[in-house]
Amino acid sequence: APYTIEEAYEVVDAIDRGDLGDLCEELGDLL
């Protein structure tokens, strides 16, 4: 569960930074 929450935050961070490459990878981690 803590990793699930952490990955969701990583998705938000990629969005905040406007890094679509990272967003793709972080969405995979969340999936």
mmCIF file of all heavy atoms, coordinates in Angstrom:
data_MODEL
# 
_entry.id   MODEL 
# 
loop_
_atom_site.group_PDB 
_atom_site.id 
_atom_site.type_symbol 
_atom_site.label_atom_id 
_atom_site.label_alt_id 
_atom_site.label_comp_id 
_atom_site.label_asym_id 
_atom_site.label_entity_id 
_atom_site.label_seq_id 
_atom_site.pdbx_PDB_ins_code 
_atom_site.Cartn_x 
_atom_site.Cartn_y 
_atom_site.Cartn_z 
_atom_site.occupancy 
_atom_site.B_iso_or_equiv 
_atom_site.pdbx_formal_charge 
_atom_site.auth_seq_id 
_atom_site.auth_comp_id 
_atom_site.auth_asym_id 
_atom_site.auth_atom_id 
_atom_site.pdbx_PDB_model_num 
ATOM 1   N N   . ALA A 1 1  ? 0.802  -1.231 0.000   1.00 0.00 ? 1  ALA A N   1 
ATOM 2   C CA  . ALA A 1 1  ? 0.000  0.000  0.000   1.00 0.00 ? 1  ALA A CA  1 
ATOM 3   C C   . ALA A 1 1  ? 0.835  1.281  0.000   1.00 0.00 ? 1  ALA A C   1 
ATOM 4   O O   . ALA A 1 1  ? 0.539  2.211  -0.770  1.00 0.00 ? 1  ALA A O   1 
ATOM 5   C CB  . ALA A 1 1  ? -0.970 -0.010 1.184   1.00 0.00 ? 1  ALA A CB  1 
ATOM 6   N N   . PRO A 1 2  ? 1.897  1.399  0.833   1.00 0.00 ? 2  PRO A N   1 
ATOM 7   C CA  . PRO A 1 2  ? 2.687  2.642  0.802   1.00 0.00 ? 2  PRO A CA  1 
ATOM 8   C C   . PRO A 1 2  ? 3.317  2.913  -0.558  1.00 0.00 ? 2  PRO A C   1 
ATOM 9   O O   . PRO A 1 2  ? 3.435  4.066  -0.975  1.00 0.00 ? 2  PRO A O   1 
ATOM 10  C CB  . PRO A 1 2  ? 3.768  2.386  1.867   1.00 0.00 ? 2  PRO A CB  1 
ATOM 11  C CG  . PRO A 1 2  ? 3.173  1.361  2.780   1.00 0.00 ? 2  PRO A CG  1 
ATOM 12  C CD  . PRO A 1 2  ? 2.351  0.483  1.891   1.00 0.00 ? 2  PRO A CD  1 
ATOM 13  N N   . TYR A 1 3  ? 3.722  1.842  -1.272  1.00 0.00 ? 3  TYR A N   1 
ATOM 14  C CA  . TYR A 1 3  ? 4.305  2.022  -2.604  1.00 0.00 ? 3  TYR A CA  1 
ATOM 15  C C   . TYR A 1 3  ? 3.244  2.515  -3.593  1.00 0.00 ? 3  TYR A C   1 
ATOM 16  O O   . TYR A 1 3  ? 3.544  3.295  -4.501  1.00 0.00 ? 3  TYR A O   1 
ATOM 17  C CB  . TYR A 1 3  ? 4.906  0.707  -3.102  1.00 0.00 ? 3  TYR A CB  1 
ATOM 18  C CG  . TYR A 1 3  ? 6.069  0.218  -2.268  1.00 0.00 ? 3  TYR A CG  1 
ATOM 19  C CD1 . TYR A 1 3  ? 5.901  -0.805 -1.347  1.00 0.00 ? 3  TYR A CD1 1 
ATOM 20  C CD2 . TYR A 1 3  ? 7.330  0.798  -2.388  1.00 0.00 ? 3  TYR A CD2 1 
ATOM 21  C CE1 . TYR A 1 3  ? 6.955  -1.254 -0.567  1.00 0.00 ? 3  TYR A CE1 1 
ATOM 22  C CE2 . TYR A 1 3  ? 8.392  0.357  -1.616  1.00 0.00 ? 3  TYR A CE2 1 
ATOM 23  C CZ  . TYR A 1 3  ? 8.210  -0.667 -0.701  1.00 0.00 ? 3  TYR A CZ  1 
ATOM 24  O OH  . TYR A 1 3  ? 9.257  -1.094 0.074   1.00 0.00 ? 3  TYR A OH  1 
ATOM 25  N N   . THR A 1 4  ? 2.009  2.055  -3.408  1.00 0.00 ? 4  THR A N   1 
ATOM 26  C CA  . THR A 1 4  ? 0.916  2.496  -4.280  1.00 0.00 ? 4  THR A CA  1 
ATOM 27  C C   . THR A 1 4  ? 0.715  4.000  -4.144  1.00 0.00 ? 4  THR A C   1 
ATOM 28  O O   . THR A 1 4  ? 0.575  4.729  -5.142  1.00 0.00 ? 4  THR A O   1 
ATOM 29  C CB  . THR A 1 4  ? -0.382 1.746  -3.927  1.00 0.00 ? 4  THR A CB  1 
ATOM 30  O OG1 . THR A 1 4  ? -0.145 0.338  -3.943  1.00 0.00 ? 4  THR A OG1 1 
ATOM 31  C CG2 . THR A 1 4  ? -1.496 2.082  -4.908  1.00 0.00 ? 4  THR A CG2 1 
ATOM 32  N N   . ILE A 1 5  ? 0.721  4.471  -2.893  1.00 0.00 ? 5  ILE A N   1 
ATOM 33  C CA  . ILE A 1 5  ? 0.570  5.907  -2.640  1.00 0.00 ? 5  ILE A CA  1 
ATOM 34  C C   . ILE A 1 5  ? 1.762  6.675  -3.212  1.00 0.00 ? 5  ILE A C   1 
ATOM 35  O O   . ILE A 1 5  ? 1.613  7.723  -3.857  1.00 0.00 ? 5  ILE A O   1 
ATOM 36  C CB  . ILE A 1 5  ? 0.430  6.168  -1.135  1.00 0.00 ? 5  ILE A CB  1 
ATOM 37  C CG1 . ILE A 1 5  ? -0.858 5.531  -0.606  1.00 0.00 ? 5  ILE A CG1 1 
ATOM 38  C CG2 . ILE A 1 5  ? 0.461  7.666  -0.832  1.00 0.00 ? 5  ILE A CG2 1 
ATOM 39  C CD1 . ILE A 1 5  ? -0.982 5.541  0.905   1.00 0.00 ? 5  ILE A CD1 1 
ATOM 40  N N   . GLU A 1 6  ? 2.956  6.140  -2.993  1.00 0.00 ? 6  GLU A N   1 
ATOM 41  C CA  . GLU A 1 6  ? 4.172  6.797  -3.477  1.00 0.00 ? 6  GLU A CA  1 
ATOM 42  C C   . GLU A 1 6  ? 4.152  6.942  -4.997  1.00 0.00 ? 6  GLU A C   1 
ATOM 43  O O   . GLU A 1 6  ? 4.504  8.006  -5.532  1.00 0.00 ? 6  GLU A O   1 
ATOM 44  C CB  . GLU A 1 6  ? 5.392  5.986  -3.050  1.00 0.00 ? 6  GLU A CB  1 
ATOM 45  C CG  . GLU A 1 6  ? 6.724  6.574  -3.510  1.00 0.00 ? 6  GLU A CG  1 
ATOM 46  C CD  . GLU A 1 6  ? 7.913  5.717  -3.097  1.00 0.00 ? 6  GLU A CD  1 
ATOM 47  O OE1 . GLU A 1 6  ? 7.809  5.039  -2.045  1.00 0.00 ? 6  GLU A OE1 1 
ATOM 48  O OE2 . GLU A 1 6  ? 8.918  5.720  -3.812  1.00 0.00 ? 6  GLU A OE2 1 
ATOM 49  N N   . GLU A 1 7  ? 3.733  5.892  -5.692  1.00 0.00 ? 7  GLU A N   1 
ATOM 50  C CA  . GLU A 1 7  ? 3.707  5.956  -7.156  1.00 0.00 ? 7  GLU A CA  1 
ATOM 51  C C   . GLU A 1 7  ? 2.688  6.968  -7.654  1.00 0.00 ? 7  GLU A C   1 
ATOM 52  O O   . GLU A 1 7  ? 2.903  7.632  -8.672  1.00 0.00 ? 7  GLU A O   1 
ATOM 53  C CB  . GLU A 1 7  ? 3.423  4.569  -7.747  1.00 0.00 ? 7  GLU A CB  1 
ATOM 54  C CG  . GLU A 1 7  ? 4.499  3.525  -7.479  1.00 0.00 ? 7  GLU A CG  1 
ATOM 55  C CD  . GLU A 1 7  ? 5.867  3.896  -8.012  1.00 0.00 ? 7  GLU A CD  1 
ATOM 56  O OE1 . GLU A 1 7  ? 5.991  4.879  -8.777  1.00 0.00 ? 7  GLU A OE1 1 
ATOM 57  O OE2 . GLU A 1 7  ? 6.838  3.210  -7.654  1.00 0.00 ? 7  GLU A OE2 1 
ATOM 58  N N   . ALA A 1 8  ? 1.563  7.098  -6.942  1.00 0.00 ? 8  ALA A N   1 
ATOM 59  C CA  . ALA A 1 8  ? 0.563  8.105  -7.326  1.00 0.00 ? 8  ALA A CA  1 
ATOM 60  C C   . ALA A 1 8  ? 1.160  9.509  -7.205  1.00 0.00 ? 8  ALA A C   1 
ATOM 61  O O   . ALA A 1 8  ? 0.942  10.369 -8.072  1.00 0.00 ? 8  ALA A O   1 
ATOM 62  C CB  . ALA A 1 8  ? -0.680 7.974  -6.447  1.00 0.00 ? 8  ALA A CB  1 
ATOM 63  N N   . TYR A 1 9  ? 1.950  9.730  -6.152  1.00 0.00 ? 9  TYR A N   1 
ATOM 64  C CA  . TYR A 1 9  ? 2.608  11.027 -5.984  1.00 0.00 ? 9  TYR A CA  1 
ATOM 65  C C   . TYR A 1 9  ? 3.651  11.264 -7.074  1.00 0.00 ? 9  TYR A C   1 
ATOM 66  O O   . TYR A 1 9  ? 3.862  12.406 -7.510  1.00 0.00 ? 9  TYR A O   1 
ATOM 67  C CB  . TYR A 1 9  ? 3.259  11.112 -4.606  1.00 0.00 ? 9  TYR A CB  1 
ATOM 68  C CG  . TYR A 1 9  ? 2.315  11.528 -3.518  1.00 0.00 ? 9  TYR A CG  1 
ATOM 69  C CD1 . TYR A 1 9  ? 2.027  10.683 -2.451  1.00 0.00 ? 9  TYR A CD1 1 
ATOM 70  C CD2 . TYR A 1 9  ? 1.704  12.783 -3.535  1.00 0.00 ? 9  TYR A CD2 1 
ATOM 71  C CE1 . TYR A 1 9  ? 1.151  11.066 -1.439  1.00 0.00 ? 9  TYR A CE1 1 
ATOM 72  C CE2 . TYR A 1 9  ? 0.839  13.178 -2.536  1.00 0.00 ? 9  TYR A CE2 1 
ATOM 73  C CZ  . TYR A 1 9  ? 0.563  12.311 -1.485  1.00 0.00 ? 9  TYR A CZ  1 
ATOM 74  O OH  . TYR A 1 9  ? -0.300 12.699 -0.492  1.00 0.00 ? 9  TYR A OH  1 
ATOM 75  N N   . GLU A 1 10 ? 4.326  10.184 -7.507  1.00 0.00 ? 10 GLU A N   1 
ATOM 76  C CA  . GLU A 1 10 ? 5.315  10.326 -8.577  1.00 0.00 ? 10 GLU A CA  1 
ATOM 77  C C   . GLU A 1 10 ? 4.633  10.766 -9.877  1.00 0.00 ? 10 GLU A C   1 
ATOM 78  O O   . GLU A 1 10 ? 5.189  11.530 -10.665 1.00 0.00 ? 10 GLU A O   1 
ATOM 79  C CB  . GLU A 1 10 ? 6.055  9.001  -8.792  1.00 0.00 ? 10 GLU A CB  1 
ATOM 80  C CG  . GLU A 1 10 ? 6.938  8.570  -7.632  1.00 0.00 ? 10 GLU A CG  1 
ATOM 81  C CD  . GLU A 1 10 ? 8.168  9.440  -7.465  1.00 0.00 ? 10 GLU A CD  1 
ATOM 82  O OE1 . GLU A 1 10 ? 8.498  10.200 -8.405  1.00 0.00 ? 10 GLU A OE1 1 
ATOM 83  O OE2 . GLU A 1 10 ? 8.796  9.364  -6.401  1.00 0.00 ? 10 GLU A OE2 1 
ATOM 84  N N   . VAL A 1 11 ? 3.421  10.273 -10.104 1.00 0.00 ? 11 VAL A N   1 
ATOM 85  C CA  . VAL A 1 11 ? 2.651  10.694 -11.272 1.00 0.00 ? 11 VAL A CA  1 
ATOM 86  C C   . VAL A 1 11 ? 2.364  12.194 -11.191 1.00 0.00 ? 11 VAL A C   1 
ATOM 87  O O   . VAL A 1 11 ? 2.551  12.943 -12.160 1.00 0.00 ? 11 VAL A O   1 
ATOM 88  C CB  . VAL A 1 11 ? 1.322  9.899  -11.377 1.00 0.00 ? 11 VAL A CB  1 
ATOM 89  C CG1 . VAL A 1 11 ? 0.390  10.533 -12.404 1.00 0.00 ? 11 VAL A CG1 1 
ATOM 90  C CG2 . VAL A 1 11 ? 1.595  8.446  -11.750 1.00 0.00 ? 11 VAL A CG2 1 
ATOM 91  N N   . VAL A 1 12 ? 1.920  12.645 -10.021 1.00 0.00 ? 12 VAL A N   1 
ATOM 92  C CA  . VAL A 1 12 ? 1.622  14.067 -9.822  1.00 0.00 ? 12 VAL A CA  1 
ATOM 93  C C   . VAL A 1 12 ? 2.871  14.915 -10.025 1.00 0.00 ? 12 VAL A C   1 
ATOM 94  O O   . VAL A 1 12 ? 2.827  15.983 -10.649 1.00 0.00 ? 12 VAL A O   1 
ATOM 95  C CB  . VAL A 1 12 ? 1.040  14.298 -8.412  1.00 0.00 ? 12 VAL A CB  1 
ATOM 96  C CG1 . VAL A 1 12 ? 0.870  15.791 -8.140  1.00 0.00 ? 12 VAL A CG1 1 
ATOM 97  C CG2 . VAL A 1 12 ? -0.306 13.590 -8.267  1.00 0.00 ? 12 VAL A CG2 1 
ATOM 98  N N   . ASP A 1 13 ? 4.010  14.432 -9.527  1.00 0.00 ? 13 ASP A N   1 
ATOM 99  C CA  . ASP A 1 13 ? 5.261  15.178 -9.673  1.00 0.00 ? 13 ASP A CA  1 
ATOM 100 C C   . ASP A 1 13 ? 5.637  15.333 -11.141 1.00 0.00 ? 13 ASP A C   1 
ATOM 101 O O   . ASP A 1 13 ? 6.058  16.419 -11.574 1.00 0.00 ? 13 ASP A O   1 
ATOM 102 C CB  . ASP A 1 13 ? 6.383  14.450 -8.920  1.00 0.00 ? 13 ASP A CB  1 
ATOM 103 C CG  . ASP A 1 13 ? 7.726  15.135 -9.088  1.00 0.00 ? 13 ASP A CG  1 
ATOM 104 O OD1 . ASP A 1 13 ? 7.855  16.304 -8.681  1.00 0.00 ? 13 ASP A OD1 1 
ATOM 105 O OD2 . ASP A 1 13 ? 8.647  14.510 -9.651  1.00 0.00 ? 13 ASP A OD2 1 
ATOM 106 N N   . ALA A 1 14 ? 5.490  14.267 -11.933 1.00 0.00 ? 14 ALA A N   1 
ATOM 107 C CA  . ALA A 1 14 ? 5.804  14.345 -13.359 1.00 0.00 ? 14 ALA A CA  1 
ATOM 108 C C   . ALA A 1 14 ? 4.897  15.347 -14.062 1.00 0.00 ? 14 ALA A C   1 
ATOM 109 O O   . ALA A 1 14 ? 5.339  16.093 -14.947 1.00 0.00 ? 14 ALA A O   1 
ATOM 110 C CB  . ALA A 1 14 ? 5.666  12.963 -14.003 1.00 0.00 ? 14 ALA A CB  1 
ATOM 111 N N   . ILE A 1 15 ? 3.626  15.378 -13.654 1.00 0.00 ? 15 ILE A N   1 
ATOM 112 C CA  . ILE A 1 15 ? 2.675  16.344 -14.226 1.00 0.00 ? 15 ILE A CA  1 
ATOM 113 C C   . ILE A 1 15 ? 3.079  17.760 -13.849 1.00 0.00 ? 15 ILE A C   1 
ATOM 114 O O   . ILE A 1 15 ? 3.097  18.670 -14.696 1.00 0.00 ? 15 ILE A O   1 
ATOM 115 C CB  . ILE A 1 15 ? 1.244  16.041 -13.751 1.00 0.00 ? 15 ILE A CB  1 
ATOM 116 C CG1 . ILE A 1 15 ? 0.756  14.709 -14.336 1.00 0.00 ? 15 ILE A CG1 1 
ATOM 117 C CG2 . ILE A 1 15 ? 0.291  17.176 -14.141 1.00 0.00 ? 15 ILE A CG2 1 
ATOM 118 C CD1 . ILE A 1 15 ? -0.549 14.208 -13.756 1.00 0.00 ? 15 ILE A CD1 1 
ATOM 119 N N   . ASP A 1 16 ? 3.435  17.971 -12.580 1.00 0.00 ? 16 ASP A N   1 
ATOM 120 C CA  . ASP A 1 16 ? 3.853  19.300 -12.124 1.00 0.00 ? 16 ASP A CA  1 
ATOM 121 C C   . ASP A 1 16 ? 5.070  19.800 -12.890 1.00 0.00 ? 16 ASP A C   1 
ATOM 122 O O   . ASP A 1 16 ? 5.212  20.993 -13.159 1.00 0.00 ? 16 ASP A O   1 
ATOM 123 C CB  . ASP A 1 16 ? 4.169  19.264 -10.624 1.00 0.00 ? 16 ASP A CB  1 
ATOM 124 C CG  . ASP A 1 16 ? 2.923  19.176 -9.756  1.00 0.00 ? 16 ASP A CG  1 
ATOM 125 O OD1 . ASP A 1 16 ? 1.817  19.422 -10.284 1.00 0.00 ? 16 ASP A OD1 1 
ATOM 126 O OD2 . ASP A 1 16 ? 3.048  18.854 -8.558  1.00 0.00 ? 16 ASP A OD2 1 
ATOM 127 N N   . ARG A 1 17 ? 5.975  18.875 -13.237 1.00 0.00 ? 17 ARG A N   1 
ATOM 128 C CA  . ARG A 1 17 ? 7.191  19.254 -13.951 1.00 0.00 ? 17 ARG A CA  1 
ATOM 129 C C   . ARG A 1 17 ? 6.979  19.343 -15.459 1.00 0.00 ? 17 ARG A C   1 
ATOM 130 O O   . ARG A 1 17 ? 7.863  19.758 -16.200 1.00 0.00 ? 17 ARG A O   1 
ATOM 131 C CB  . ARG A 1 17 ? 8.311  18.251 -13.649 1.00 0.00 ? 17 ARG A CB  1 
ATOM 132 C CG  . ARG A 1 17 ? 8.831  18.330 -12.228 1.00 0.00 ? 17 ARG A CG  1 
ATOM 133 C CD  . ARG A 1 17 ? 10.014 17.402 -11.985 1.00 0.00 ? 17 ARG A CD  1 
ATOM 134 N NE  . ARG A 1 17 ? 9.598  16.004 -11.869 1.00 0.00 ? 17 ARG A NE  1 
ATOM 135 C CZ  . ARG A 1 17 ? 9.785  15.085 -12.797 1.00 0.00 ? 17 ARG A CZ  1 
ATOM 136 N NH1 . ARG A 1 17 ? 10.378 15.406 -13.947 1.00 0.00 ? 17 ARG A NH1 1 
ATOM 137 N NH2 . ARG A 1 17 ? 9.395  13.844 -12.614 1.00 0.00 ? 17 ARG A NH2 1 
ATOM 138 N N   . GLY A 1 18 ? 5.800  18.923 -15.919 1.00 0.00 ? 18 GLY A N   1 
ATOM 139 C CA  . GLY A 1 18 ? 5.513  18.959 -17.348 1.00 0.00 ? 18 GLY A CA  1 
ATOM 140 C C   . GLY A 1 18 ? 6.359  17.989 -18.148 1.00 0.00 ? 18 GLY A C   1 
ATOM 141 O O   . GLY A 1 18 ? 6.607  18.208 -19.338 1.00 0.00 ? 18 GLY A O   1 
ATOM 142 N N   . ASP A 1 19 ? 6.828  16.908 -17.503 1.00 0.00 ? 19 ASP A N   1 
ATOM 143 C CA  . ASP A 1 19 ? 7.698  15.929 -18.155 1.00 0.00 ? 19 ASP A CA  1 
ATOM 144 C C   . ASP A 1 19 ? 6.851  14.744 -18.615 1.00 0.00 ? 19 ASP A C   1 
ATOM 145 O O   . ASP A 1 19 ? 6.567  13.825 -17.840 1.00 0.00 ? 19 ASP A O   1 
ATOM 146 C CB  . ASP A 1 19 ? 8.784  15.469 -17.172 1.00 0.00 ? 19 ASP A CB  1 
ATOM 147 C CG  . ASP A 1 19 ? 9.882  14.658 -17.844 1.00 0.00 ? 19 ASP A CG  1 
ATOM 148 O OD1 . ASP A 1 19 ? 9.575  13.944 -18.819 1.00 0.00 ? 19 ASP A OD1 1 
ATOM 149 O OD2 . ASP A 1 19 ? 11.036 14.732 -17.381 1.00 0.00 ? 19 ASP A OD2 1 
ATOM 150 N N   . LEU A 1 20 ? 6.447  14.753 -19.877 1.00 0.00 ? 20 LEU A N   1 
ATOM 151 C CA  . LEU A 1 20 ? 5.573  13.699 -20.383 1.00 0.00 ? 20 LEU A CA  1 
ATOM 152 C C   . LEU A 1 20 ? 6.294  12.358 -20.507 1.00 0.00 ? 20 LEU A C   1 
ATOM 153 O O   . LEU A 1 20 ? 5.666  11.295 -20.416 1.00 0.00 ? 20 LEU A O   1 
ATOM 154 C CB  . LEU A 1 20 ? 4.979  14.109 -21.727 1.00 0.00 ? 20 LEU A CB  1 
ATOM 155 C CG  . LEU A 1 20 ? 4.049  15.337 -21.687 1.00 0.00 ? 20 LEU A CG  1 
ATOM 156 C CD1 . LEU A 1 20 ? 3.443  15.591 -23.060 1.00 0.00 ? 20 LEU A CD1 1 
ATOM 157 C CD2 . LEU A 1 20 ? 2.950  15.152 -20.652 1.00 0.00 ? 20 LEU A CD2 1 
ATOM 158 N N   . GLY A 1 21 ? 7.597  12.379 -20.722 1.00 0.00 ? 21 GLY A N   1 
ATOM 159 C CA  . GLY A 1 21 ? 8.359  11.144 -20.757 1.00 0.00 ? 21 GLY A CA  1 
ATOM 160 C C   . GLY A 1 21 ? 8.324  10.452 -19.407 1.00 0.00 ? 21 GLY A C   1 
ATOM 161 O O   . GLY A 1 21 ? 8.068  9.245  -19.312 1.00 0.00 ? 21 GLY A O   1 
ATOM 162 N N   . ASP A 1 22 ? 8.570  11.235 -18.356 1.00 0.00 ? 22 ASP A N   1 
ATOM 163 C CA  . ASP A 1 22 ? 8.496  10.692 -16.995 1.00 0.00 ? 22 ASP A CA  1 
ATOM 164 C C   . ASP A 1 22 ? 7.074  10.273 -16.661 1.00 0.00 ? 22 ASP A C   1 
ATOM 165 O O   . ASP A 1 22 ? 6.858  9.280  -15.962 1.00 0.00 ? 22 ASP A O   1 
ATOM 166 C CB  . ASP A 1 22 ? 8.971  11.732 -15.969 1.00 0.00 ? 22 ASP A CB  1 
ATOM 167 C CG  . ASP A 1 22 ? 10.463 11.609 -15.691 1.00 0.00 ? 22 ASP A CG  1 
ATOM 168 O OD1 . ASP A 1 22 ? 11.121 10.807 -16.376 1.00 0.00 ? 22 ASP A OD1 1 
ATOM 169 O OD2 . ASP A 1 22 ? 10.962 12.311 -14.795 1.00 0.00 ? 22 ASP A OD2 1 
ATOM 170 N N   . LEU A 1 23 ? 6.090  11.051 -17.146 1.00 0.00 ? 23 LEU A N   1 
ATOM 171 C CA  . LEU A 1 23 ? 4.694  10.728 -16.859 1.00 0.00 ? 23 LEU A CA  1 
ATOM 172 C C   . LEU A 1 23 ? 4.351  9.347  -17.403 1.00 0.00 ? 23 LEU A C   1 
ATOM 173 O O   . LEU A 1 23 ? 3.685  8.548  -16.730 1.00 0.00 ? 23 LEU A O   1 
ATOM 174 C CB  . LEU A 1 23 ? 3.762  11.782 -17.465 1.00 0.00 ? 23 LEU A CB  1 
ATOM 175 C CG  . LEU A 1 23 ? 2.266  11.535 -17.291 1.00 0.00 ? 23 LEU A CG  1 
ATOM 176 C CD1 . LEU A 1 23 ? 1.897  11.437 -15.811 1.00 0.00 ? 23 LEU A CD1 1 
ATOM 177 C CD2 . LEU A 1 23 ? 1.458  12.633 -17.966 1.00 0.00 ? 23 LEU A CD2 1 
ATOM 178 N N   . CYS A 1 24 ? 4.820  9.043  -18.618 1.00 0.00 ? 24 CYS A N   1 
ATOM 179 C CA  . CYS A 1 24 ? 4.575  7.725  -19.208 1.00 0.00 ? 24 CYS A CA  1 
ATOM 180 C C   . CYS A 1 24 ? 5.142  6.628  -18.315 1.00 0.00 ? 24 CYS A C   1 
ATOM 181 O O   . CYS A 1 24 ? 4.479  5.629  -18.022 1.00 0.00 ? 24 CYS A O   1 
ATOM 182 C CB  . CYS A 1 24 ? 5.196  7.657  -20.600 1.00 0.00 ? 24 CYS A CB  1 
ATOM 183 S SG  . CYS A 1 24 ? 5.021  6.046  -21.416 1.00 0.00 ? 24 CYS A SG  1 
ATOM 184 N N   . GLU A 1 25 ? 6.368  6.830  -17.854 1.00 0.00 ? 25 GLU A N   1 
ATOM 185 C CA  . GLU A 1 25 ? 7.019  5.816  -17.017 1.00 0.00 ? 25 GLU A CA  1 
ATOM 186 C C   . GLU A 1 25 ? 6.337  5.683  -15.662 1.00 0.00 ? 25 GLU A C   1 
ATOM 187 O O   . GLU A 1 25 ? 6.126  4.575  -15.159 1.00 0.00 ? 25 GLU A O   1 
ATOM 188 C CB  . GLU A 1 25 ? 8.495  6.177  -16.830 1.00 0.00 ? 25 GLU A CB  1 
ATOM 189 C CG  . GLU A 1 25 ? 9.271  5.123  -16.056 1.00 0.00 ? 25 GLU A CG  1 
ATOM 190 C CD  . GLU A 1 25 ? 10.768 5.369  -16.064 1.00 0.00 ? 25 GLU A CD  1 
ATOM 191 O OE1 . GLU A 1 25 ? 11.255 6.076  -16.975 1.00 0.00 ? 25 GLU A OE1 1 
ATOM 192 O OE2 . GLU A 1 25 ? 11.448 4.854  -15.172 1.00 0.00 ? 25 GLU A OE2 1 
ATOM 193 N N   . GLU A 1 26 ? 5.973  6.819  -15.065 1.00 0.00 ? 26 GLU A N   1 
ATOM 194 C CA  . GLU A 1 26 ? 5.353  6.789  -13.740 1.00 0.00 ? 26 GLU A CA  1 
ATOM 195 C C   . GLU A 1 26 ? 3.951  6.179  -13.796 1.00 0.00 ? 26 GLU A C   1 
ATOM 196 O O   . GLU A 1 26 ? 3.523  5.507  -12.856 1.00 0.00 ? 26 GLU A O   1 
ATOM 197 C CB  . GLU A 1 26 ? 5.293  8.196  -13.142 1.00 0.00 ? 26 GLU A CB  1 
ATOM 198 C CG  . GLU A 1 26 ? 6.649  8.835  -12.878 1.00 0.00 ? 26 GLU A CG  1 
ATOM 199 C CD  . GLU A 1 26 ? 7.516  8.039  -11.914 1.00 0.00 ? 26 GLU A CD  1 
ATOM 200 O OE1 . GLU A 1 26 ? 6.993  7.142  -11.219 1.00 0.00 ? 26 GLU A OE1 1 
ATOM 201 O OE2 . GLU A 1 26 ? 8.729  8.304  -11.866 1.00 0.00 ? 26 GLU A OE2 1 
ATOM 202 N N   . LEU A 1 27 ? 3.229  6.408  -14.887 1.00 0.00 ? 27 LEU A N   1 
ATOM 203 C CA  . LEU A 1 27 ? 1.917  5.767  -15.042 1.00 0.00 ? 27 LEU A CA  1 
ATOM 204 C C   . LEU A 1 27 ? 2.081  4.248  -15.121 1.00 0.00 ? 27 LEU A C   1 
ATOM 205 O O   . LEU A 1 27 ? 1.248  3.487  -14.607 1.00 0.00 ? 27 LEU A O   1 
ATOM 206 C CB  . LEU A 1 27 ? 1.212  6.295  -16.284 1.00 0.00 ? 27 LEU A CB  1 
ATOM 207 C CG  . LEU A 1 27 ? 0.635  7.711  -16.178 1.00 0.00 ? 27 LEU A CG  1 
ATOM 208 C CD1 . LEU A 1 27 ? 0.156  8.197  -17.538 1.00 0.00 ? 27 LEU A CD1 1 
ATOM 209 C CD2 . LEU A 1 27 ? -0.506 7.764  -15.165 1.00 0.00 ? 27 LEU A CD2 1 
ATOM 210 N N   . GLY A 1 28 ? 3.171  3.805  -15.748 1.00 0.00 ? 28 GLY A N   1 
ATOM 211 C CA  . GLY A 1 28 ? 3.453  2.374  -15.789 1.00 0.00 ? 28 GLY A CA  1 
ATOM 212 C C   . GLY A 1 28 ? 3.718  1.827  -14.403 1.00 0.00 ? 28 GLY A C   1 
ATOM 213 O O   . GLY A 1 28 ? 3.246  0.737  -14.043 1.00 0.00 ? 28 GLY A O   1 
ATOM 214 N N   . ASP A 1 29 ? 4.481  2.585  -13.593 1.00 0.00 ? 29 ASP A N   1 
ATOM 215 C CA  . ASP A 1 29 ? 4.758  2.157  -12.216 1.00 0.00 ? 29 ASP A CA  1 
ATOM 216 C C   . ASP A 1 29 ? 3.464  2.070  -11.407 1.00 0.00 ? 29 ASP A C   1 
ATOM 217 O O   . ASP A 1 29 ? 3.291  1.160  -10.591 1.00 0.00 ? 29 ASP A O   1 
ATOM 218 C CB  . ASP A 1 29 ? 5.719  3.141  -11.544 1.00 0.00 ? 29 ASP A CB  1 
ATOM 219 C CG  . ASP A 1 29 ? 7.120  3.079  -12.139 1.00 0.00 ? 29 ASP A CG  1 
ATOM 220 O OD1 . ASP A 1 29 ? 7.419  2.098  -12.841 1.00 0.00 ? 29 ASP A OD1 1 
ATOM 221 O OD2 . ASP A 1 29 ? 7.905  4.020  -11.901 1.00 0.00 ? 29 ASP A OD2 1 
ATOM 222 N N   . LEU A 1 30 ? 2.558  3.036  -11.642 1.00 0.00 ? 30 LEU A N   1 
ATOM 223 C CA  . LEU A 1 30 ? 1.284  3.015  -10.932 1.00 0.00 ? 30 LEU A CA  1 
ATOM 224 C C   . LEU A 1 30 ? 0.423  1.843  -11.386 1.00 0.00 ? 30 LEU A C   1 
ATOM 225 O O   . LEU A 1 30 ? -0.236 1.176  -10.575 1.00 0.00 ? 30 LEU A O   1 
ATOM 226 C CB  . LEU A 1 30 ? 0.545  4.338  -11.155 1.00 0.00 ? 30 LEU A CB  1 
ATOM 227 C CG  . LEU A 1 30 ? -0.769 4.528  -10.384 1.00 0.00 ? 30 LEU A CG  1 
ATOM 228 C CD1 . LEU A 1 30 ? -0.551 4.408  -8.879  1.00 0.00 ? 30 LEU A CD1 1 
ATOM 229 C CD2 . LEU A 1 30 ? -1.390 5.882  -10.718 1.00 0.00 ? 30 LEU A CD2 1 
ATOM 230 N N   . LEU A 1 31 ? 0.459  1.564  -12.685 1.00 0.00 ? 31 LEU A N   1 
ATOM 231 C CA  . LEU A 1 31 ? -0.286 0.417  -13.210 1.00 0.00 ? 31 LEU A CA  1 
ATOM 232 C C   . LEU A 1 31 ? 0.229  -0.884 -12.608 1.00 0.00 ? 31 LEU A C   1 
ATOM 233 O O   . LEU A 1 31 ? -0.548 -1.798 -12.307 1.00 0.00 ? 31 LEU A O   1 
ATOM 234 C CB  . LEU A 1 31 ? -0.176 0.376  -14.737 1.00 0.00 ? 31 LEU A CB  1 
ATOM 235 C CG  . LEU A 1 31 ? -0.842 -0.806 -15.445 1.00 0.00 ? 31 LEU A CG  1 
ATOM 236 C CD1 . LEU A 1 31 ? -2.339 -0.853 -15.137 1.00 0.00 ? 31 LEU A CD1 1 
ATOM 237 C CD2 . LEU A 1 31 ? -0.598 -0.727 -16.947 1.00 0.00 ? 31 LEU A CD2 1 
# 
